[in-house]
Amino acid sequence: MPDPPSSHSDANLAAHQHRQRWLATAVTLSQDRNAHVACPSCDEGILSVSEIVHRGQVVELALRCPTCGSGEFVRGRFGASQGTSEG
């Protein structure tokens, strides 16, 4: 038997809110890679940021929580490296 529509809507809303929290976190860390930002998934760990550099420009940020293991990759044009490069 399928879930009632409200349960499905609640799940979609929770997923959307979770994604919005990661996006807000990505914006903060794209502006200041050294900011101490709590993990949007567990609210406990401080995210680590690794820059992925191509031709001297940061093209992607790898965000990772050491506490829960959650992470995201964020693509964009972030300019010159701020010194956290692993690539």
N, C-alpha and C. Protein backbone atom coordinates (compact mmCIF):
# COMPACT_ATOMS: atom_id res chain seq x y z
N MET A 1 0.84 -1.17 0.00
CA MET A 1 0.00 0.00 0.00
C MET A 1 0.89 1.24 0.00
N PRO A 2 0.64 2.20 -0.90
CA PRO A 2 1.48 3.40 -0.96
C PRO A 2 1.30 4.28 0.27
N ASP A 3 2.35 5.06 0.54
CA ASP A 3 2.28 6.01 1.65
C ASP A 3 1.23 7.07 1.35
N PRO A 4 0.62 7.60 2.39
CA PRO A 4 -0.31 8.70 2.18
C PRO A 4 0.42 9.89 1.57
N PRO A 5 -0.27 10.71 0.80
CA PRO A 5 0.37 11.86 0.14
C PRO A 5 1.14 12.76 1.10
N SER A 6 0.66 12.94 2.32
CA SER A 6 1.35 13.83 3.25
C SER A 6 2.74 13.29 3.62
N SER A 7 2.88 11.98 3.74
CA SER A 7 4.18 11.40 4.06
C SER A 7 5.17 11.62 2.92
N HIS A 8 4.70 11.45 1.70
CA HIS A 8 5.54 11.67 0.53
C HIS A 8 5.94 13.14 0.47
N SER A 9 5.01 14.03 0.70
CA SER A 9 5.28 15.47 0.69
C SER A 9 6.27 15.84 1.78
N ASP A 10 6.12 15.26 2.96
CA ASP A 10 7.03 15.52 4.06
C ASP A 10 8.45 15.08 3.71
N ALA A 11 8.57 13.93 3.08
CA ALA A 11 9.88 13.42 2.69
C ALA A 11 10.52 14.33 1.65
N ASN A 12 9.73 14.78 0.68
CA ASN A 12 10.24 15.69 -0.33
C ASN A 12 10.69 17.01 0.29
N LEU A 13 9.91 17.52 1.22
CA LEU A 13 10.25 18.76 1.89
C LEU A 13 11.54 18.60 2.69
N ALA A 14 11.69 17.51 3.40
CA ALA A 14 12.90 17.26 4.18
C ALA A 14 14.12 17.16 3.26
N ALA A 15 13.99 16.47 2.15
CA ALA A 15 15.10 16.35 1.20
C ALA A 15 15.46 17.71 0.62
N HIS A 16 14.46 18.51 0.31
CA HIS A 16 14.68 19.85 -0.24
C HIS A 16 15.40 20.73 0.80
N GLN A 17 14.95 20.68 2.03
CA GLN A 17 15.58 21.48 3.08
C GLN A 17 17.02 21.04 3.32
N HIS A 18 17.27 19.74 3.28
CA HIS A 18 18.62 19.22 3.44
C HIS A 18 19.52 19.74 2.32
N ARG A 19 19.03 19.69 1.10
CA ARG A 19 19.81 20.17 -0.05
C ARG A 19 20.07 21.67 0.07
N GLN A 20 19.08 22.43 0.52
CA GLN A 20 19.24 23.88 0.69
C GLN A 20 20.32 24.18 1.74
N ARG A 21 20.38 23.38 2.79
CA ARG A 21 21.41 23.57 3.81
C ARG A 21 22.81 23.33 3.22
N TRP A 22 22.94 22.30 2.39
CA TRP A 22 24.23 22.06 1.75
C TRP A 22 24.59 23.19 0.79
N LEU A 23 23.61 23.70 0.06
CA LEU A 23 23.88 24.80 -0.87
C LEU A 23 24.33 26.05 -0.12
N ALA A 24 23.67 26.38 0.98
CA ALA A 24 24.06 27.53 1.78
C ALA A 24 25.48 27.35 2.32
N THR A 25 25.79 26.15 2.74
CA THR A 25 27.12 25.84 3.23
C THR A 25 28.15 26.01 2.12
N ALA A 26 27.83 25.54 0.94
CA ALA A 26 28.74 25.66 -0.20
C ALA A 26 29.02 27.12 -0.53
N VAL A 27 28.00 27.97 -0.46
CA VAL A 27 28.19 29.39 -0.73
C VAL A 27 29.16 29.99 0.29
N THR A 28 28.95 29.69 1.56
CA THR A 28 29.83 30.20 2.62
C THR A 28 31.27 29.76 2.38
N LEU A 29 31.47 28.48 2.11
CA LEU A 29 32.82 27.95 1.94
C LEU A 29 33.45 28.36 0.62
N SER A 30 32.65 28.69 -0.38
CA SER A 30 33.23 29.18 -1.63
C SER A 30 33.81 30.58 -1.44
N GLN A 31 33.26 31.33 -0.49
CA GLN A 31 33.75 32.68 -0.21
C GLN A 31 34.92 32.67 0.77
N ASP A 32 34.95 31.72 1.68
CA ASP A 32 36.02 31.62 2.67
C ASP A 32 36.27 30.15 2.96
N ARG A 33 37.27 29.57 2.29
CA ARG A 33 37.55 28.15 2.42
C ARG A 33 38.00 27.76 3.83
N ASN A 34 38.45 28.75 4.62
CA ASN A 34 38.93 28.46 5.97
C ASN A 34 37.86 28.66 7.03
N ALA A 35 36.63 28.99 6.61
CA ALA A 35 35.54 29.17 7.58
C ALA A 35 35.26 27.84 8.29
N HIS A 36 34.92 27.92 9.55
CA HIS A 36 34.54 26.73 10.32
C HIS A 36 33.03 26.60 10.24
N VAL A 37 32.59 25.65 9.42
CA VAL A 37 31.16 25.48 9.15
C VAL A 37 30.74 24.07 9.57
N ALA A 38 29.69 23.99 10.38
CA ALA A 38 29.18 22.70 10.83
C ALA A 38 28.55 21.94 9.66
N CYS A 39 28.65 20.65 9.73
CA CYS A 39 28.07 19.78 8.71
C CYS A 39 26.55 19.95 8.66
N PRO A 40 25.99 20.17 7.47
CA PRO A 40 24.54 20.29 7.35
C PRO A 40 23.79 18.99 7.61
N SER A 41 24.50 17.86 7.59
CA SER A 41 23.84 16.58 7.82
C SER A 41 23.76 16.21 9.29
N CYS A 42 24.87 16.39 10.03
CA CYS A 42 24.88 15.94 11.42
C CYS A 42 24.98 17.08 12.43
N ASP A 43 25.30 18.28 11.97
CA ASP A 43 25.47 19.46 12.84
C ASP A 43 26.55 19.28 13.89
N GLU A 44 27.43 18.30 13.74
CA GLU A 44 28.48 18.07 14.73
C GLU A 44 29.88 18.33 14.18
N GLY A 45 30.18 17.74 13.06
CA GLY A 45 31.53 17.88 12.50
C GLY A 45 31.72 19.22 11.80
N ILE A 46 32.97 19.67 11.75
CA ILE A 46 33.34 20.86 10.99
C ILE A 46 33.84 20.37 9.63
N LEU A 47 33.25 20.90 8.58
CA LEU A 47 33.57 20.42 7.24
C LEU A 47 35.00 20.75 6.84
N SER A 48 35.61 19.82 6.14
CA SER A 48 36.90 20.07 5.52
C SER A 48 36.63 20.44 4.07
N VAL A 49 37.51 21.26 3.50
CA VAL A 49 37.35 21.72 2.13
C VAL A 49 38.62 21.42 1.36
N SER A 50 38.48 20.76 0.24
CA SER A 50 39.60 20.53 -0.67
C SER A 50 39.28 21.19 -1.99
N GLU A 51 40.26 21.90 -2.52
CA GLU A 51 40.08 22.56 -3.82
C GLU A 51 40.56 21.63 -4.92
N ILE A 52 39.81 21.57 -5.99
CA ILE A 52 40.24 20.84 -7.17
C ILE A 52 40.57 21.91 -8.21
N VAL A 53 41.86 21.94 -8.57
CA VAL A 53 42.39 23.02 -9.40
C VAL A 53 42.68 22.52 -10.81
N HIS A 54 42.32 23.33 -11.78
CA HIS A 54 42.61 23.05 -13.18
C HIS A 54 43.16 24.33 -13.80
N ARG A 55 44.37 24.26 -14.32
CA ARG A 55 45.03 25.42 -14.93
C ARG A 55 45.08 26.62 -14.00
N GLY A 56 45.38 26.35 -12.75
CA GLY A 56 45.55 27.42 -11.78
C GLY A 56 44.27 28.01 -11.20
N GLN A 57 43.14 27.50 -11.63
CA GLN A 57 41.86 28.01 -11.15
C GLN A 57 41.10 26.91 -10.42
N VAL A 58 40.45 27.27 -9.34
CA VAL A 58 39.64 26.31 -8.59
C VAL A 58 38.34 26.07 -9.38
N VAL A 59 38.10 24.83 -9.74
CA VAL A 59 36.91 24.50 -10.52
C VAL A 59 35.90 23.68 -9.73
N GLU A 60 36.34 23.17 -8.58
CA GLU A 60 35.44 22.35 -7.78
C GLU A 60 35.92 22.37 -6.33
N LEU A 61 34.96 22.32 -5.40
CA LEU A 61 35.26 22.19 -3.99
C LEU A 61 34.71 20.86 -3.51
N ALA A 62 35.52 20.12 -2.78
CA ALA A 62 35.08 18.87 -2.18
C ALA A 62 34.86 19.14 -0.69
N LEU A 63 33.63 19.00 -0.23
CA LEU A 63 33.27 19.24 1.16
C LEU A 63 33.05 17.89 1.83
N ARG A 64 33.63 17.73 3.03
CA ARG A 64 33.53 16.42 3.69
C ARG A 64 33.46 16.61 5.20
N CYS A 65 32.58 15.84 5.83
CA CYS A 65 32.44 15.86 7.27
C CYS A 65 33.23 14.71 7.88
N PRO A 66 34.17 15.00 8.77
CA PRO A 66 34.95 13.93 9.39
C PRO A 66 34.15 13.14 10.43
N THR A 67 33.03 13.68 10.88
CA THR A 67 32.23 13.02 11.92
C THR A 67 31.28 11.98 11.34
N CYS A 68 30.47 12.39 10.35
CA CYS A 68 29.47 11.47 9.81
C CYS A 68 29.81 10.93 8.42
N GLY A 69 30.82 11.52 7.78
CA GLY A 69 31.23 11.05 6.47
C GLY A 69 30.47 11.64 5.30
N SER A 70 29.49 12.49 5.57
CA SER A 70 28.73 13.12 4.48
C SER A 70 29.64 14.04 3.69
N GLY A 71 29.30 14.24 2.45
CA GLY A 71 30.09 15.15 1.64
C GLY A 71 29.37 15.54 0.37
N GLU A 72 29.87 16.57 -0.24
CA GLU A 72 29.33 17.08 -1.51
C GLU A 72 30.48 17.62 -2.34
N PHE A 73 30.30 17.60 -3.64
CA PHE A 73 31.20 18.27 -4.56
C PHE A 73 30.44 19.44 -5.15
N VAL A 74 31.10 20.59 -5.20
CA VAL A 74 30.46 21.80 -5.72
C VAL A 74 31.30 22.31 -6.88
N ARG A 75 30.70 22.39 -8.04
CA ARG A 75 31.41 22.90 -9.22
C ARG A 75 31.09 24.37 -9.41
N GLY A 76 32.07 25.09 -9.88
CA GLY A 76 31.86 26.50 -10.15
C GLY A 76 33.18 27.16 -10.54
N ARG A 77 33.13 28.45 -10.69
CA ARG A 77 34.33 29.23 -10.96
C ARG A 77 34.66 29.98 -9.68
N PHE A 78 35.63 29.46 -8.95
CA PHE A 78 35.95 29.98 -7.64
C PHE A 78 37.19 30.85 -7.62
N GLY A 79 37.82 31.04 -8.78
CA GLY A 79 39.01 31.88 -8.84
C GLY A 79 40.26 31.14 -8.43
N ALA A 80 41.24 31.93 -7.99
CA ALA A 80 42.53 31.36 -7.62
C ALA A 80 42.42 30.56 -6.33
N SER A 81 43.33 29.63 -6.18
CA SER A 81 43.37 28.79 -4.99
C SER A 81 43.58 29.61 -3.74
N GLN A 82 42.94 29.19 -2.65
CA GLN A 82 43.15 29.81 -1.34
C GLN A 82 44.07 28.94 -0.49
N GLY A 83 44.73 27.97 -1.13
CA GLY A 83 45.74 27.20 -0.43
C GLY A 83 45.28 25.88 0.17
N THR A 84 44.11 25.38 -0.20
CA THR A 84 43.66 24.09 0.33
C THR A 84 43.71 23.03 -0.75
N SER A 85 44.44 23.29 -1.82
CA SER A 85 44.45 22.43 -2.99
C SER A 85 44.98 21.04 -2.72
N GLU A 86 44.29 20.06 -3.28
CA GLU A 86 44.78 18.69 -3.28
C GLU A 86 44.98 18.21 -4.71
N GLY A 87 44.62 19.03 -5.68
CA GLY A 87 44.69 18.58 -7.07
C GLY A 87 45.82 19.09 -7.85
